[in-house]
Amino acid sequence: MRHYAILRLLLSGFFLYIAWPAIPYASSYMEQIFWGGWLVFLLLVVGANFATLLQMTRPPVMEQNQYNRRQRDFH
């Protein structure tokens, strides 16, 4: 289910596009911690989806069932 990984990458790119203008204006320490954590989480999401897209990891369990069902129906 490569299209799910692509959709998640597009959605994370959209969220970054929306958040990017607000990040440089973080003035307090709490705001900087929040945006730093948000960017780390974004990098984890993007990395995991690229790993799925490049077939370095197995797809999520929810997507594996559909793949196995298609394999059984095909044979």
N, C-alpha and C. Protein backbone atom coordinates (compact mmCIF):
# COMPACT_ATOMS: atom_id res chain seq x y z
N MET A 1 0.84 -1.19 0.00
CA MET A 1 0.00 0.00 0.00
C MET A 1 0.88 1.25 0.00
N ARG A 2 1.53 1.44 -1.09
CA ARG A 2 2.45 2.57 -1.21
C ARG A 2 1.72 3.91 -1.19
N HIS A 3 0.49 3.92 -1.67
CA HIS A 3 -0.21 5.21 -1.74
C HIS A 3 -0.52 5.77 -0.36
N TYR A 4 -0.67 4.93 0.67
CA TYR A 4 -0.87 5.43 2.03
C TYR A 4 0.38 6.17 2.52
N ALA A 5 1.55 5.59 2.24
CA ALA A 5 2.79 6.24 2.65
C ALA A 5 2.96 7.57 1.91
N ILE A 6 2.63 7.60 0.65
CA ILE A 6 2.73 8.84 -0.12
C ILE A 6 1.75 9.88 0.42
N LEU A 7 0.55 9.46 0.74
CA LEU A 7 -0.42 10.40 1.29
C LEU A 7 0.03 10.95 2.64
N ARG A 8 0.62 10.10 3.48
CA ARG A 8 1.13 10.58 4.77
C ARG A 8 2.29 11.55 4.60
N LEU A 9 3.14 11.31 3.60
CA LEU A 9 4.23 12.24 3.32
C LEU A 9 3.69 13.58 2.83
N LEU A 10 2.69 13.54 1.97
CA LEU A 10 2.09 14.78 1.49
C LEU A 10 1.43 15.55 2.63
N LEU A 11 0.75 14.84 3.52
CA LEU A 11 0.10 15.50 4.65
C LEU A 11 1.13 16.12 5.60
N SER A 12 2.23 15.41 5.86
CA SER A 12 3.25 15.98 6.72
C SER A 12 3.92 17.18 6.05
N GLY A 13 4.09 17.14 4.74
CA GLY A 13 4.62 18.30 4.03
C GLY A 13 3.68 19.49 4.11
N PHE A 14 2.39 19.22 4.04
CA PHE A 14 1.41 20.30 4.18
C PHE A 14 1.45 20.91 5.57
N PHE A 15 1.56 20.07 6.60
CA PHE A 15 1.65 20.58 7.96
C PHE A 15 2.92 21.42 8.15
N LEU A 16 4.02 20.99 7.55
CA LEU A 16 5.25 21.77 7.64
C LEU A 16 5.08 23.11 6.92
N TYR A 17 4.41 23.09 5.78
CA TYR A 17 4.16 24.32 5.03
C TYR A 17 3.34 25.31 5.85
N ILE A 18 2.37 24.81 6.60
CA ILE A 18 1.54 25.68 7.44
C ILE A 18 2.32 26.18 8.66
N ALA A 19 3.14 25.32 9.25
CA ALA A 19 3.81 25.68 10.50
C ALA A 19 5.09 26.48 10.31
N TRP A 20 5.73 26.36 9.15
CA TRP A 20 7.04 26.97 8.96
C TRP A 20 7.07 28.47 9.24
N PRO A 21 6.09 29.27 8.82
CA PRO A 21 6.17 30.71 9.11
C PRO A 21 6.13 31.04 10.61
N ALA A 22 5.53 30.20 11.42
CA ALA A 22 5.39 30.49 12.86
C ALA A 22 6.63 30.08 13.65
N ILE A 23 7.44 29.19 13.12
CA ILE A 23 8.58 28.66 13.88
C ILE A 23 9.61 29.73 14.22
N PRO A 24 10.02 30.62 13.31
CA PRO A 24 11.04 31.61 13.67
C PRO A 24 10.57 32.63 14.72
N TYR A 25 9.28 32.78 14.91
CA TYR A 25 8.76 33.76 15.87
C TYR A 25 8.59 33.19 17.27
N ALA A 26 9.08 31.98 17.51
CA ALA A 26 9.00 31.39 18.85
C ALA A 26 9.95 32.16 19.76
N SER A 27 9.37 32.91 20.70
CA SER A 27 10.21 33.78 21.53
C SER A 27 10.49 33.18 22.92
N SER A 28 9.51 32.50 23.49
CA SER A 28 9.73 31.97 24.84
C SER A 28 10.37 30.57 24.75
N TYR A 29 10.89 30.15 25.87
CA TYR A 29 11.54 28.84 25.95
C TYR A 29 10.56 27.71 25.68
N MET A 30 9.33 27.85 26.19
CA MET A 30 8.30 26.82 25.97
C MET A 30 7.94 26.70 24.50
N GLU A 31 7.86 27.82 23.82
CA GLU A 31 7.57 27.78 22.39
C GLU A 31 8.69 27.09 21.62
N GLN A 32 9.91 27.36 21.99
CA GLN A 32 11.04 26.71 21.32
C GLN A 32 11.06 25.21 21.58
N ILE A 33 10.73 24.81 22.79
CA ILE A 33 10.64 23.38 23.11
C ILE A 33 9.53 22.73 22.30
N PHE A 34 8.39 23.40 22.21
CA PHE A 34 7.26 22.85 21.45
C PHE A 34 7.63 22.66 19.99
N TRP A 35 8.18 23.70 19.35
CA TRP A 35 8.50 23.60 17.93
C TRP A 35 9.65 22.62 17.69
N GLY A 36 10.59 22.55 18.61
CA GLY A 36 11.65 21.55 18.48
C GLY A 36 11.11 20.14 18.54
N GLY A 37 10.22 19.88 19.49
CA GLY A 37 9.58 18.56 19.59
C GLY A 37 8.72 18.27 18.38
N TRP A 38 8.04 19.28 17.89
CA TRP A 38 7.18 19.10 16.72
C TRP A 38 8.02 18.74 15.50
N LEU A 39 9.16 19.40 15.33
CA LEU A 39 10.03 19.10 14.19
C LEU A 39 10.66 17.71 14.30
N VAL A 40 11.00 17.31 15.52
CA VAL A 40 11.54 15.95 15.71
C VAL A 40 10.47 14.91 15.37
N PHE A 41 9.25 15.13 15.83
CA PHE A 41 8.16 14.21 15.49
C PHE A 41 7.92 14.18 13.98
N LEU A 42 7.97 15.33 13.34
CA LEU A 42 7.80 15.39 11.88
C LEU A 42 8.88 14.59 11.17
N LEU A 43 10.12 14.71 11.63
CA LEU A 43 11.20 13.93 11.02
C LEU A 43 11.02 12.43 11.22
N LEU A 44 10.51 12.03 12.38
CA LEU A 44 10.22 10.61 12.61
C LEU A 44 9.14 10.10 11.66
N VAL A 45 8.10 10.90 11.49
CA VAL A 45 7.00 10.51 10.59
C VAL A 45 7.50 10.40 9.16
N VAL A 46 8.26 11.39 8.72
CA VAL A 46 8.77 11.38 7.34
C VAL A 46 9.73 10.21 7.14
N GLY A 47 10.61 9.98 8.10
CA GLY A 47 11.55 8.87 7.98
C GLY A 47 10.86 7.51 7.94
N ALA A 48 9.87 7.34 8.78
CA ALA A 48 9.14 6.06 8.80
C ALA A 48 8.40 5.84 7.49
N ASN A 49 7.82 6.88 6.95
CA ASN A 49 7.09 6.71 5.70
C ASN A 49 8.03 6.50 4.52
N PHE A 50 9.19 7.14 4.53
CA PHE A 50 10.17 6.86 3.48
C PHE A 50 10.68 5.43 3.59
N ALA A 51 10.87 4.94 4.81
CA ALA A 51 11.31 3.55 4.98
C ALA A 51 10.25 2.59 4.46
N THR A 52 8.99 2.88 4.69
CA THR A 52 7.92 2.05 4.16
C THR A 52 7.87 2.14 2.65
N LEU A 53 8.04 3.32 2.12
CA LEU A 53 7.99 3.52 0.68
C LEU A 53 9.14 2.79 -0.01
N LEU A 54 10.33 2.81 0.58
CA LEU A 54 11.48 2.14 0.00
C LEU A 54 11.54 0.66 0.37
N GLN A 55 10.52 0.17 1.05
CA GLN A 55 10.37 -1.22 1.47
C GLN A 55 11.53 -1.67 2.35
N MET A 56 12.00 -0.77 3.21
CA MET A 56 13.02 -1.12 4.19
C MET A 56 12.39 -1.74 5.42
N THR A 57 11.12 -1.45 5.66
CA THR A 57 10.37 -2.02 6.78
C THR A 57 9.08 -2.61 6.23
N ARG A 58 8.43 -3.39 7.06
CA ARG A 58 7.13 -3.92 6.65
C ARG A 58 6.07 -2.85 6.82
N PRO A 59 5.03 -2.88 5.99
CA PRO A 59 3.96 -1.90 6.15
C PRO A 59 3.25 -2.08 7.48
N PRO A 60 2.50 -1.08 7.94
CA PRO A 60 1.74 -1.22 9.18
C PRO A 60 0.79 -2.41 9.12
N VAL A 61 0.44 -2.92 10.28
CA VAL A 61 -0.38 -4.13 10.38
C VAL A 61 -1.70 -3.97 9.64
N MET A 62 -2.30 -2.81 9.75
CA MET A 62 -3.58 -2.58 9.10
C MET A 62 -3.46 -2.74 7.58
N GLU A 63 -2.35 -2.35 7.01
CA GLU A 63 -2.16 -2.46 5.58
C GLU A 63 -1.71 -3.86 5.17
N GLN A 64 -1.07 -4.61 6.08
CA GLN A 64 -0.62 -5.96 5.75
C GLN A 64 -1.79 -6.89 5.52
N ASN A 65 -2.87 -6.73 6.28
CA ASN A 65 -4.02 -7.61 6.12
C ASN A 65 -4.60 -7.49 4.72
N GLN A 66 -4.69 -6.30 4.20
CA GLN A 66 -5.21 -6.12 2.85
C GLN A 66 -4.30 -6.75 1.82
N TYR A 67 -2.99 -6.66 2.02
CA TYR A 67 -2.04 -7.25 1.10
C TYR A 67 -2.16 -8.77 1.12
N ASN A 68 -2.24 -9.36 2.33
CA ASN A 68 -2.37 -10.81 2.45
C ASN A 68 -3.69 -11.28 1.86
N ARG A 69 -4.76 -10.53 2.05
CA ARG A 69 -6.06 -10.89 1.50
C ARG A 69 -6.01 -10.88 -0.02
N ARG A 70 -5.32 -9.90 -0.59
CA ARG A 70 -5.19 -9.83 -2.05
C ARG A 70 -4.36 -10.99 -2.56
N GLN A 71 -3.33 -11.39 -1.82
CA GLN A 71 -2.50 -12.52 -2.23
C GLN A 71 -3.34 -13.79 -2.26
N ARG A 72 -4.16 -14.00 -1.24
CA ARG A 72 -4.99 -15.20 -1.18
C ARG A 72 -6.03 -15.20 -2.28
N ASP A 73 -6.63 -14.06 -2.56
CA ASP A 73 -7.66 -13.99 -3.60
C ASP A 73 -7.06 -14.19 -4.99
N PHE A 74 -5.81 -13.78 -5.15
CA PHE A 74 -5.17 -13.88 -6.45
C PHE A 74 -4.88 -15.32 -6.82
N HIS A 75 -4.45 -16.11 -5.84
CA HIS A 75 -4.07 -17.50 -6.14
C HIS A 75 -5.24 -18.39 -6.21
